[in-house]
Amino acid sequence: MSPFRPSILIVDDLPANLVALEKVLAPMAATVVKAHSGNEALAACIDQDFAAVLLDIDMPGMDGYEVAAFLRGEARTARLPILFVTASYRDEAHELQGYGAGAVDYIEKPISDFILRSKVQVFLDLYNSRRRLEEELARSEAMRSELIESEERLRHAVIDAPIPVLMHAEDGEILLISRRLSEATGLAAPEIPTLAAWVDRAFGPRAAEVRTRVASLFGIPAAQPIGEYEVRTGDGRVLTWDFHIGPLPPLPDGRRVLISMALDVTETRRARDALERSVLDLARSNAELETFAYVASHDLREPLRMVTMYLSLLERRLGETLDDEGREFIDFARDGAVRMDRLILDLLEYSRVGRVDRPAQDLDLDEVLAAVTHTLGTLIDETGAEITVPQPLPKVHCNFSEVTRLFQNVLANALKYRRPGAPPRITITSEPEGGFQRFCVADNGIGIDRQYFQRIFGIFQRLHTREQYDGTGIGLAVCKKTVEHYGGRIWVDSEEGVGSRFFFTLPG
């Protein structure tokens, strides 16, 4: 008879993601079951048990949060460990929503294969241990006539369990502890003969709360999760354990028995706390950076306005006494001040991308495009450009001003970098791509050499002199930062002398 292999359920609406996850989990001693939707995942959970489920969030129909809520609400799947795996939702709000939906972990892509397997292995070990203990308990109940033999097997199962396990009777007597519990806490069985001794040593200020909680659990029909508690070891260390407690058959003298199992989540807790601190630090840093950018831009622009004003006064004061060379010098200085002012404004806009006070909403891109063409109206008329949208554009979930700036920058480049004698012909199309919409802005302009496909999205990157084409070299950098803020990507395909196609994805 082949050894039992626990099953892991992976859920994602994108086949490529399922294949990638299956490849990462292939070396593990488990059977990987794939589901392409929330409904398919729920059906799979009805048919069989799983050690854990790796669940995508952004799926059509039923999203990951809804699937998790349904699983938590069903007795059969209430204890099923749920690990959210996402590349779309990387902010604190979604992470907290994930834990609120019942997840035991919230994993953001990309993640190391080794780390992902290590996280899953923890739940495989817990599942295998719980399964062995449940089988042992079932055999004990079914074989009353072999009580002594069954108790011995249970004894070894508890003592040799790879996780902290403790058996105790309702009068406070500790019946068995696992070797792993003693190793982790440095407390041997003789040091904690009663539940009160264990609770006082391990739980410190929360000892009274824990005693009351445990006393209320005698009589529960099945094992249930208790939650995370800080456990103090014999040498003063503090560990974080996630407890599950379940009933065992009564002792021959009638005393009821509970078995407590714990999973050491100390490192996970530290990582989560560190992440929360990092998120707060990042938010504070971003706020400080934005304040600095605003103040710096204001303080930098004020001298430029002064320079421009005095250049105009100088030009009027000197009047006819100013020769052509002097006027040219003044024009050069004024032009430099204007370019510097525009550069400061572009830098300020770049720093503001992704601000928390710019909330996302469902946007009608026809309204966005109308605003962009109105802003660029003079340039469109001067160049004789034609902008074609063959089909209605879809809605996206983004901030209006940021998406408007994105389309404005891309279209302005298509108008600017036109071929001499060839009026711009621009086409905007879209198509769905997973949970995103992929847009293409195609033009018939001068094109871009392939070697510059990546460079053009860097800040201050220009391929032409200011005498050839005006600009600050920040526009496409703003586009890239905007798209990536929403979890998308941007790239270009172009041929010199033929035209360019700019692609980018936004959440639908």
Protein backbone atom coordinates (compact mmCIF):
# COMPACT_ATOMS: atom_id res chain seq x y z
CA MET A 1 0.00 0.00 0.00
CA SER A 2 1.47 3.31 -1.07
CA PRO A 3 2.06 5.92 1.68
CA PHE A 4 -0.52 8.61 2.20
CA ARG A 5 0.17 11.88 0.38
CA PRO A 6 -1.66 14.98 1.61
CA SER A 7 -3.16 17.27 -1.02
CA ILE A 8 -2.53 20.96 -1.63
CA LEU A 9 -5.11 23.04 -3.49
CA ILE A 10 -3.84 25.88 -5.72
CA VAL A 11 -6.41 28.36 -7.08
CA ASP A 12 -5.78 30.89 -9.85
CA ASP A 13 -7.75 31.90 -12.94
CA LEU A 14 -4.53 32.20 -14.98
CA PRO A 15 -3.26 28.83 -16.25
CA ALA A 16 0.31 30.14 -16.40
CA ASN A 17 0.23 30.96 -12.68
CA LEU A 18 -1.13 27.50 -11.87
CA VAL A 19 1.64 25.85 -13.90
CA ALA A 20 4.27 27.97 -12.14
CA LEU A 21 2.92 27.16 -8.67
CA GLU A 22 2.64 23.46 -9.51
CA LYS A 23 6.27 23.43 -10.64
CA VAL A 24 7.43 25.09 -7.37
CA LEU A 25 5.47 22.58 -5.23
CA ALA A 26 6.39 19.49 -7.30
CA PRO A 27 9.36 18.43 -5.07
CA MET A 28 7.13 18.25 -1.98
CA ALA A 29 5.59 15.04 -0.64
CA ALA A 30 2.08 16.13 -1.56
CA THR A 31 -0.46 15.93 -4.36
CA VAL A 32 -1.14 19.26 -6.05
CA VAL A 33 -4.76 19.85 -7.12
CA LYS A 34 -5.51 22.79 -9.42
CA ALA A 35 -8.64 24.94 -9.54
CA HIS A 36 -9.23 27.65 -12.14
CA SER A 37 -11.94 29.59 -10.27
CA GLY A 38 -13.48 30.13 -6.86
CA ASN A 39 -16.43 27.85 -7.63
CA GLU A 40 -14.10 25.09 -8.81
CA ALA A 41 -12.08 25.44 -5.60
CA LEU A 42 -15.18 25.12 -3.41
CA ALA A 43 -16.26 22.03 -5.32
CA ALA A 44 -12.83 20.48 -4.78
CA CYS A 45 -13.03 21.15 -1.02
CA ILE A 46 -16.34 19.31 -0.87
CA ASP A 47 -14.84 16.24 -2.55
CA GLN A 48 -11.63 15.91 -0.51
CA ASP A 49 -9.50 17.24 2.34
CA PHE A 50 -6.52 19.50 1.82
CA ALA A 51 -3.53 20.30 3.98
CA ALA A 52 -3.52 23.90 2.71
CA VAL A 53 -4.88 26.08 -0.07
CA LEU A 54 -2.82 28.66 -2.01
CA LEU A 55 -5.40 31.17 -3.15
CA ASP A 56 -5.19 33.98 -5.69
CA ILE A 57 -7.18 37.12 -4.85
CA ASP A 58 -7.97 38.80 -8.16
CA MET A 59 -10.24 36.33 -9.96
CA PRO A 60 -13.38 36.90 -12.04
CA GLY A 61 -16.68 35.85 -10.54
CA MET A 62 -15.80 34.90 -6.98
CA ASP A 63 -12.61 36.56 -5.73
CA GLY A 64 -10.19 35.09 -3.21
CA TYR A 65 -11.68 36.95 -0.24
CA GLU A 66 -15.15 35.52 -0.98
CA VAL A 67 -13.75 32.00 -1.33
CA ALA A 68 -11.91 32.33 2.00
CA ALA A 69 -15.04 33.60 3.75
CA PHE A 70 -17.07 30.68 2.42
CA LEU A 71 -14.45 28.15 3.53
CA ARG A 72 -14.26 29.67 7.01
CA GLY A 73 -18.05 29.49 7.31
CA GLU A 74 -18.24 25.74 6.63
CA ALA A 75 -17.49 23.30 9.43
CA ARG A 76 -15.67 20.96 7.06
CA THR A 77 -13.22 23.63 5.89
CA ALA A 78 -13.17 26.02 8.85
CA ARG A 79 -9.66 24.87 9.89
CA LEU A 80 -8.24 24.69 6.37
CA PRO A 81 -5.08 26.89 6.27
CA ILE A 82 -5.47 29.57 3.57
CA LEU A 83 -2.39 31.28 2.10
CA PHE A 84 -3.15 34.21 -0.19
CA VAL A 85 -0.64 34.46 -3.08
CA THR A 86 -0.88 37.71 -5.07
CA ALA A 87 1.11 39.98 -7.35
CA SER A 88 -1.68 42.57 -7.69
CA TYR A 89 -2.52 43.65 -4.16
CA ARG A 90 0.63 44.64 -2.30
CA ASP A 91 -0.74 47.27 0.04
CA GLU A 92 -1.45 47.06 3.75
CA ALA A 93 -5.21 47.38 3.34
CA HIS A 94 -5.48 44.28 1.19
CA GLU A 95 -3.09 42.39 3.47
CA LEU A 96 -5.23 43.20 6.50
CA GLN A 97 -8.35 42.25 4.53
CA GLY A 98 -6.69 38.92 3.71
CA TYR A 99 -5.96 38.15 7.34
CA GLY A 100 -9.44 39.32 8.25
CA ALA A 101 -10.89 36.83 5.74
CA GLY A 102 -9.18 34.02 7.65
CA ALA A 103 -5.81 33.67 5.93
CA VAL A 104 -2.85 32.29 7.87
CA ASP A 105 -0.37 34.00 5.53
CA TYR A 106 -0.38 36.74 2.87
CA ILE A 107 2.32 36.16 0.26
CA GLU A 108 3.31 38.81 -2.25
CA LYS A 109 4.96 37.86 -5.50
CA PRO A 110 7.72 37.48 -6.39
CA ILE A 111 8.74 35.07 -3.65
CA SER A 112 11.61 32.62 -3.39
CA ASP A 113 10.65 29.04 -4.29
CA PHE A 114 12.44 27.84 -1.15
CA ILE A 115 10.53 30.23 1.12
CA LEU A 116 7.19 29.30 -0.44
CA ARG A 117 7.88 25.57 -0.03
CA SER A 118 9.02 26.17 3.56
CA LYS A 119 5.78 27.94 4.39
CA VAL A 120 3.69 25.19 2.82
CA GLN A 121 5.76 22.47 4.53
CA VAL A 122 4.74 23.84 7.94
CA PHE A 123 1.10 23.16 7.15
CA LEU A 124 1.86 19.78 5.61
CA ASP A 125 3.60 18.81 8.87
CA LEU A 126 0.69 20.12 10.93
CA TYR A 127 -1.83 18.33 8.71
CA ASN A 128 0.09 15.05 8.90
CA SER A 129 0.46 15.36 12.66
CA ARG A 130 -3.20 16.20 13.15
CA ARG A 131 -4.21 13.37 10.84
CA ARG A 132 -2.08 10.89 12.75
CA LEU A 133 -3.50 12.09 16.06
CA GLU A 134 -7.08 11.97 14.77
CA GLU A 135 -6.55 8.46 13.44
CA GLU A 136 -5.11 7.48 16.79
CA LEU A 137 -8.07 8.96 18.63
CA ALA A 138 -10.50 7.23 16.29
CA ARG A 139 -8.80 3.90 16.84
CA SER A 140 -8.89 4.46 20.61
CA GLU A 141 -12.63 5.11 20.49
CA ALA A 142 -13.33 2.13 18.23
CA MET A 143 -11.16 -0.34 20.16
CA ARG A 144 -12.21 0.03 23.76
CA SER A 145 -11.25 -3.60 24.35
CA GLU A 146 -7.66 -2.75 23.48
CA LEU A 147 -7.52 0.35 25.61
CA ILE A 148 -4.03 -0.21 27.03
CA GLU A 149 -2.48 -0.74 23.59
CA SER A 150 -4.33 2.27 22.18
CA GLU A 151 -3.19 4.49 25.03
CA GLU A 152 0.39 3.43 24.43
CA ARG A 153 0.15 4.34 20.76
CA LEU A 154 -1.37 7.68 21.69
CA ARG A 155 1.41 8.24 24.19
CA HIS A 156 4.06 7.74 21.53
CA ALA A 157 2.14 9.85 19.02
CA VAL A 158 2.06 12.76 21.44
CA ILE A 159 5.58 12.41 22.76
CA ASP A 160 7.10 12.02 19.28
CA ALA A 161 4.90 14.61 17.57
CA PRO A 162 6.98 17.12 15.57
CA ILE A 163 5.04 20.01 17.11
CA PRO A 164 4.34 21.10 20.70
CA VAL A 165 1.51 18.93 22.07
CA LEU A 166 0.04 18.77 25.60
CA MET A 167 -2.67 16.47 26.99
CA HIS A 168 -4.45 17.50 30.20
CA ALA A 169 -7.44 16.42 32.23
CA GLU A 170 -10.19 18.72 33.46
CA ASP A 171 -8.88 18.61 37.05
CA GLY A 172 -5.63 20.22 35.82
CA GLU A 173 -3.41 17.12 35.68
CA ILE A 174 -1.05 17.11 32.70
CA LEU A 175 -1.09 13.63 31.23
CA LEU A 176 1.45 13.90 28.41
CA ILE A 177 3.62 16.48 26.73
CA SER A 178 5.52 16.10 23.47
CA ARG A 179 9.27 16.02 23.41
CA ARG A 180 9.15 18.98 21.02
CA LEU A 181 7.32 21.12 23.61
CA SER A 182 10.02 20.42 26.20
CA GLU A 183 12.79 21.17 23.71
CA ALA A 184 11.19 24.44 22.60
CA THR A 185 10.44 25.79 26.08
CA GLY A 186 13.20 24.17 28.14
CA LEU A 187 10.53 22.93 30.55
CA ALA A 188 10.58 19.20 31.34
CA ALA A 189 7.47 17.28 32.40
CA PRO A 190 8.36 17.25 36.14
CA GLU A 191 8.55 21.06 36.13
CA ILE A 192 4.96 21.42 34.90
CA PRO A 193 2.93 18.64 36.57
CA THR A 194 -0.32 20.60 36.40
CA LEU A 195 -2.01 22.87 33.90
CA ALA A 196 -1.82 25.75 36.39
CA ALA A 197 1.97 25.34 36.65
CA TRP A 198 2.31 25.28 32.87
CA VAL A 199 0.04 28.29 32.33
CA ASP A 200 1.74 30.39 35.04
CA ARG A 201 5.21 29.59 33.65
CA ALA A 202 4.37 29.97 29.96
CA PHE A 203 1.75 32.72 29.69
CA GLY A 204 2.80 35.25 32.34
CA PRO A 205 0.37 38.20 32.48
CA ARG A 206 -2.23 36.32 30.42
CA ALA A 207 -2.25 33.25 32.68
CA ALA A 208 -5.67 33.97 34.23
CA GLU A 209 -7.20 34.58 30.81
CA VAL A 210 -5.76 31.31 29.45
CA ARG A 211 -6.98 29.27 32.45
CA THR A 212 -10.51 30.61 31.97
CA ARG A 213 -10.40 29.96 28.24
CA VAL A 214 -9.19 26.37 28.60
CA ALA A 215 -11.77 25.59 31.29
CA SER A 216 -14.54 26.72 28.90
CA LEU A 217 -13.41 24.27 26.19
CA PHE A 218 -14.15 21.02 28.01
CA GLY A 219 -17.10 19.48 26.25
CA ILE A 220 -16.40 20.88 22.77
CA PRO A 221 -17.39 18.31 20.08
CA ALA A 222 -14.36 18.77 17.84
CA ALA A 223 -10.98 20.45 17.64
CA GLN A 224 -10.99 24.18 17.04
CA PRO A 225 -8.44 26.95 16.52
CA ILE A 226 -7.69 29.03 19.61
CA GLY A 227 -5.39 31.67 18.20
CA GLU A 228 -1.90 33.03 18.74
CA TYR A 229 -0.38 33.41 22.22
CA GLU A 230 3.05 34.46 23.43
CA VAL A 231 4.78 31.61 25.28
CA ARG A 232 7.67 32.29 27.66
CA THR A 233 10.44 29.70 27.77
CA GLY A 234 12.53 28.58 30.72
CA ASP A 235 15.46 30.75 29.62
CA GLY A 236 13.34 33.89 29.19
CA ARG A 237 12.74 33.83 25.44
CA VAL A 238 9.28 34.71 24.08
CA LEU A 239 7.80 32.54 21.31
CA THR A 240 4.54 32.95 19.41
CA TRP A 241 2.47 29.77 19.09
CA ASP A 242 -0.76 29.24 17.19
CA PHE A 243 -2.91 26.87 19.26
CA HIS A 244 -5.56 24.31 18.31
CA ILE A 245 -7.41 22.37 21.05
CA GLY A 246 -9.60 19.29 20.67
CA PRO A 247 -11.32 16.69 22.86
CA LEU A 248 -10.12 13.12 23.57
CA PRO A 249 -12.17 10.22 25.01
CA PRO A 250 -12.68 10.49 28.78
CA LEU A 251 -10.36 8.67 31.13
CA PRO A 252 -11.59 5.49 32.82
CA ASP A 253 -12.42 7.55 35.92
CA GLY A 254 -14.65 9.81 33.84
CA ARG A 255 -12.42 12.88 33.69
CA ARG A 256 -12.63 14.72 30.40
CA VAL A 257 -9.42 15.30 28.43
CA LEU A 258 -8.23 17.96 26.04
CA ILE A 259 -5.25 17.87 23.70
CA SER A 260 -3.54 21.14 22.82
CA MET A 261 -1.46 21.38 19.65
CA ALA A 262 0.63 24.39 18.70
CA LEU A 263 2.44 25.63 15.64
CA ASP A 264 5.46 27.86 16.22
CA VAL A 265 4.76 31.00 14.18
CA THR A 266 7.38 33.16 15.88
CA GLU A 267 9.24 34.00 12.69
CA THR A 268 6.02 34.61 10.79
CA ARG A 269 4.85 36.97 13.53
CA ARG A 270 8.17 38.82 13.54
CA ALA A 271 8.06 39.11 9.77
CA ARG A 272 4.49 40.40 9.93
CA ASP A 273 5.35 42.93 12.63
CA ALA A 274 8.42 44.01 10.68
CA LEU A 275 6.30 44.41 7.57
CA GLU A 276 3.78 46.53 9.45
CA ARG A 277 6.58 48.71 10.79
CA SER A 278 8.05 48.99 7.30
CA VAL A 279 4.69 50.01 5.89
CA LEU A 280 4.34 52.72 8.54
CA ASP A 281 7.92 53.88 7.97
CA LEU A 282 7.34 53.96 4.22
CA ALA A 283 4.15 55.96 4.61
CA ARG A 284 5.92 58.44 6.87
CA SER A 285 8.88 58.62 4.49
CA ASN A 286 6.58 59.20 1.50
CA ALA A 287 4.75 61.96 3.36
CA GLU A 288 8.04 63.62 4.26
CA LEU A 289 9.29 63.24 0.69
CA GLU A 290 6.14 64.77 -0.72
CA THR A 291 6.34 67.69 1.68
CA PHE A 292 9.97 68.18 0.76
CA ALA A 293 9.16 68.02 -2.96
CA TYR A 294 6.41 70.59 -2.60
CA VAL A 295 8.48 72.98 -0.51
CA ALA A 296 11.54 72.50 -2.71
CA SER A 297 9.55 73.13 -5.88
CA HIS A 298 8.00 76.27 -4.40
CA ASP A 299 11.36 77.59 -3.18
CA LEU A 300 13.06 76.74 -6.48
CA ARG A 301 10.36 78.29 -8.65
CA GLU A 302 10.31 81.57 -6.73
CA PRO A 303 13.87 82.57 -7.81
CA LEU A 304 13.04 81.53 -11.40
CA ARG A 305 10.00 83.81 -11.42
CA MET A 306 12.24 86.57 -10.08
CA VAL A 307 14.80 85.92 -12.85
CA THR A 308 12.12 85.97 -15.53
CA MET A 309 10.55 89.14 -14.16
CA TYR A 310 13.86 91.02 -13.99
CA LEU A 311 14.84 89.86 -17.46
CA SER A 312 11.61 91.41 -18.75
CA LEU A 313 12.27 94.60 -16.75
CA LEU A 314 15.83 94.71 -18.09
CA GLU A 315 14.59 94.28 -21.65
CA ARG A 316 12.08 97.12 -21.25
CA ARG A 317 14.53 99.39 -19.39
CA LEU A 318 17.28 99.10 -22.00
CA GLY A 319 14.77 99.32 -24.82
CA GLU A 320 16.32 100.46 -28.10
CA THR A 321 19.82 100.58 -26.63
CA LEU A 322 19.86 96.75 -26.49
CA ASP A 323 21.51 95.28 -29.58
CA ASP A 324 20.53 91.97 -31.23
CA GLU A 325 23.19 90.01 -29.36
CA GLY A 326 21.94 91.36 -26.03
CA ARG A 327 18.35 90.44 -26.91
CA GLU A 328 19.52 86.97 -27.85
CA PHE A 329 21.27 86.61 -24.50
CA ILE A 330 18.10 87.64 -22.67
CA ASP A 331 16.04 85.17 -24.72
CA PHE A 332 18.49 82.40 -23.86
CA ALA A 333 18.25 83.24 -20.16
CA ARG A 334 14.45 83.45 -20.24
CA ASP A 335 14.20 80.16 -22.14
CA GLY A 336 16.47 78.47 -19.59
CA ALA A 337 14.32 79.74 -16.71
CA VAL A 338 11.13 78.52 -18.42
CA ARG A 339 12.66 75.06 -19.05
CA MET A 340 13.84 74.87 -15.45
CA ASP A 341 10.37 75.79 -14.22
CA ARG A 342 8.80 73.07 -16.40
CA LEU A 343 11.38 70.58 -15.17
CA ILE A 344 10.54 71.37 -11.54
CA LEU A 345 6.82 70.93 -12.23
CA ASP A 346 7.46 67.58 -13.96
CA LEU A 347 9.59 66.40 -11.05
CA LEU A 348 6.86 67.40 -8.63
CA GLU A 349 4.32 65.43 -10.68
CA TYR A 350 6.65 62.42 -10.73
CA SER A 351 6.96 62.51 -6.93
CA ARG A 352 3.18 62.66 -6.52
CA VAL A 353 2.37 59.48 -8.45
CA GLY A 354 0.67 56.95 -6.16
CA ARG A 355 -0.24 59.42 -3.41
CA VAL A 356 -2.75 58.11 -0.87
CA ASP A 357 -4.93 61.20 -1.34
CA ARG A 358 -5.48 60.18 -4.96
CA PRO A 359 -7.93 57.30 -4.48
CA ALA A 360 -8.68 54.84 -7.27
CA GLN A 361 -12.15 54.59 -8.76
CA ASP A 362 -13.89 53.00 -11.74
CA LEU A 363 -13.05 55.29 -14.65
CA ASP A 364 -14.74 55.74 -18.02
CA LEU A 365 -11.75 56.08 -20.36
CA ASP A 366 -13.87 57.84 -22.96
CA GLU A 367 -14.07 60.74 -20.49
CA VAL A 368 -10.34 60.51 -19.87
CA LEU A 369 -9.59 60.59 -23.59
CA ALA A 370 -11.94 63.55 -24.08
CA ALA A 371 -10.03 65.49 -21.40
CA VAL A 372 -6.68 64.58 -23.00
CA THR A 373 -7.70 65.57 -26.55
CA HIS A 374 -9.09 68.84 -25.22
CA THR A 375 -5.76 69.63 -23.51
CA LEU A 376 -3.79 68.67 -26.64
CA GLY A 377 -6.33 70.27 -28.99
CA THR A 378 -4.05 73.02 -30.31
CA LEU A 379 -1.21 70.57 -31.07
CA ILE A 380 -3.64 68.12 -32.71
CA ASP A 381 -4.96 70.89 -34.98
CA GLU A 382 -1.50 72.22 -35.82
CA THR A 383 -0.17 68.79 -36.82
CA GLY A 384 -3.32 67.64 -38.63
CA ALA A 385 -3.37 64.53 -36.43
CA GLU A 386 -6.08 61.88 -36.48
CA ILE A 387 -6.74 59.86 -33.31
CA THR A 388 -8.78 56.70 -33.89
CA VAL A 389 -10.43 54.49 -31.27
CA PRO A 390 -11.91 51.51 -33.20
CA GLN A 391 -13.91 50.15 -30.26
CA PRO A 392 -15.21 51.52 -26.93
CA LEU A 393 -12.53 51.58 -24.28
CA PRO A 394 -13.11 49.53 -21.09
CA LYS A 395 -13.35 50.87 -17.57
CA VAL A 396 -10.27 50.78 -15.33
CA HIS A 397 -9.91 51.10 -11.56
CA CYS A 398 -7.40 53.93 -11.17
CA ASN A 399 -7.11 57.58 -10.21
CA PHE A 400 -8.52 59.99 -12.80
CA SER A 401 -5.72 62.56 -12.83
CA GLU A 402 -2.96 59.91 -12.95
CA VAL A 403 -4.52 57.99 -15.84
CA THR A 404 -5.22 61.26 -17.64
CA ARG A 405 -1.55 62.23 -17.32
CA LEU A 406 -0.55 58.74 -18.55
CA PHE A 407 -2.59 58.97 -21.77
CA GLN A 408 -1.64 62.63 -22.23
CA ASN A 409 2.10 61.87 -22.08
CA VAL A 410 1.87 58.94 -24.49
CA LEU A 411 -0.30 60.85 -27.00
CA ALA A 412 1.84 64.00 -26.70
CA ASN A 413 4.92 61.94 -27.62
CA ALA A 414 3.09 60.49 -30.63
CA LEU A 415 2.28 64.04 -31.78
CA LYS A 416 5.74 65.41 -31.02
CA TYR A 417 7.87 62.70 -32.62
CA ARG A 418 6.10 62.75 -35.99
CA ARG A 419 7.74 62.23 -39.36
CA PRO A 420 8.22 65.38 -41.46
CA GLY A 421 5.44 65.69 -44.01
CA ALA A 422 3.40 62.87 -42.50
CA PRO A 423 0.46 63.99 -40.31
CA PRO A 424 0.24 61.84 -37.16
CA ARG A 425 -2.11 58.84 -37.36
CA ILE A 426 -2.72 57.45 -33.85
CA THR A 427 -4.81 54.38 -32.98
CA ILE A 428 -5.83 53.37 -29.44
CA THR A 429 -6.97 49.78 -28.80
CA SER A 430 -7.45 47.53 -25.78
CA GLU A 431 -7.99 43.91 -24.83
CA PRO A 432 -8.38 42.02 -21.52
CA GLU A 433 -5.31 40.36 -19.97
CA GLY A 434 -6.10 38.46 -16.77
CA GLY A 435 -7.47 40.91 -14.25
CA PHE A 436 -6.00 43.82 -16.25
CA GLN A 437 -6.72 45.65 -19.49
CA ARG A 438 -3.87 45.92 -21.99
CA PHE A 439 -3.81 49.13 -24.02
CA CYS A 440 -1.91 49.86 -27.23
CA VAL A 441 -1.22 53.37 -28.58
CA ALA A 442 0.15 53.02 -32.12
CA ASP A 443 1.54 55.88 -34.24
CA ASN A 444 3.24 56.45 -37.59
CA GLY A 445 6.06 58.60 -36.21
CA ILE A 446 9.84 58.49 -36.47
CA GLY A 447 10.16 55.27 -34.45
CA ILE A 448 12.77 54.21 -31.88
CA ASP A 449 15.92 52.15 -32.21
CA ARG A 450 15.52 48.79 -30.41
CA GLN A 451 18.55 49.44 -28.21
CA TYR A 452 16.67 52.30 -26.50
CA PHE A 453 13.43 50.38 -25.70
CA GLN A 454 14.26 50.24 -21.96
CA ARG A 455 16.20 53.47 -21.63
CA ILE A 456 13.34 55.76 -22.71
CA PHE A 457 11.38 54.92 -19.53
CA GLY A 458 14.16 56.19 -17.26
CA ILE A 459 13.96 59.64 -15.71
CA PHE A 460 15.82 62.42 -17.62
CA GLN A 461 16.43 60.05 -20.57
CA ARG A 462 16.34 61.84 -23.92
CA LEU A 463 17.26 60.47 -27.36
CA HIS A 464 17.26 63.86 -29.10
CA THR A 465 18.66 67.32 -28.45
CA ARG A 466 16.41 70.15 -27.27
CA GLU A 467 16.97 71.84 -30.61
CA GLN A 468 15.37 68.82 -32.33
CA TYR A 469 12.54 68.13 -29.86
CA ASP A 470 11.56 70.04 -26.74
CA GLY A 471 10.97 68.25 -23.43
CA THR A 472 12.38 67.35 -20.01
CA GLY A 473 12.82 63.57 -20.38
CA ILE A 474 10.44 62.85 -17.49
CA GLY A 475 7.15 62.11 -19.29
CA LEU A 476 7.65 58.38 -19.92
CA ALA A 477 9.20 57.95 -16.46
CA VAL A 478 5.94 59.29 -15.01
CA CYS A 479 4.03 56.82 -17.22
CA LYS A 480 6.13 53.91 -15.98
CA LYS A 481 5.76 54.89 -12.32
CA THR A 482 1.99 55.33 -12.74
CA VAL A 483 1.47 51.94 -14.42
CA GLU A 484 3.67 50.06 -11.94
CA HIS A 485 1.86 51.75 -9.03
CA TYR A 486 -1.27 49.88 -10.15
CA GLY A 487 0.57 46.58 -10.57
CA GLY A 488 0.82 46.87 -14.36
CA ARG A 489 3.67 47.10 -16.83
CA ILE A 490 4.62 49.28 -19.81
CA TRP A 491 6.74 48.54 -22.84
CA VAL A 492 7.30 49.61 -26.45
CA ASP A 493 7.66 47.97 -29.84
CA SER A 494 8.95 50.21 -32.60
CA GLU A 495 10.64 50.38 -36.00
CA GLU A 496 12.61 53.42 -37.08
CA GLY A 497 10.92 55.33 -39.88
CA VAL A 498 7.68 53.34 -39.52
CA GLY A 499 6.24 54.15 -36.09
CA SER A 500 5.88 52.96 -32.50
CA ARG A 501 3.40 50.97 -30.41
CA PHE A 502 3.31 51.71 -26.69
CA PHE A 503 1.68 49.00 -24.56
CA PHE A 504 0.62 49.27 -20.92
CA THR A 505 -1.70 47.39 -18.55
CA LEU A 506 -4.09 48.79 -15.95
CA PRO A 507 -6.43 46.99 -13.50
CA GLY A 508 -9.89 46.46 -14.96
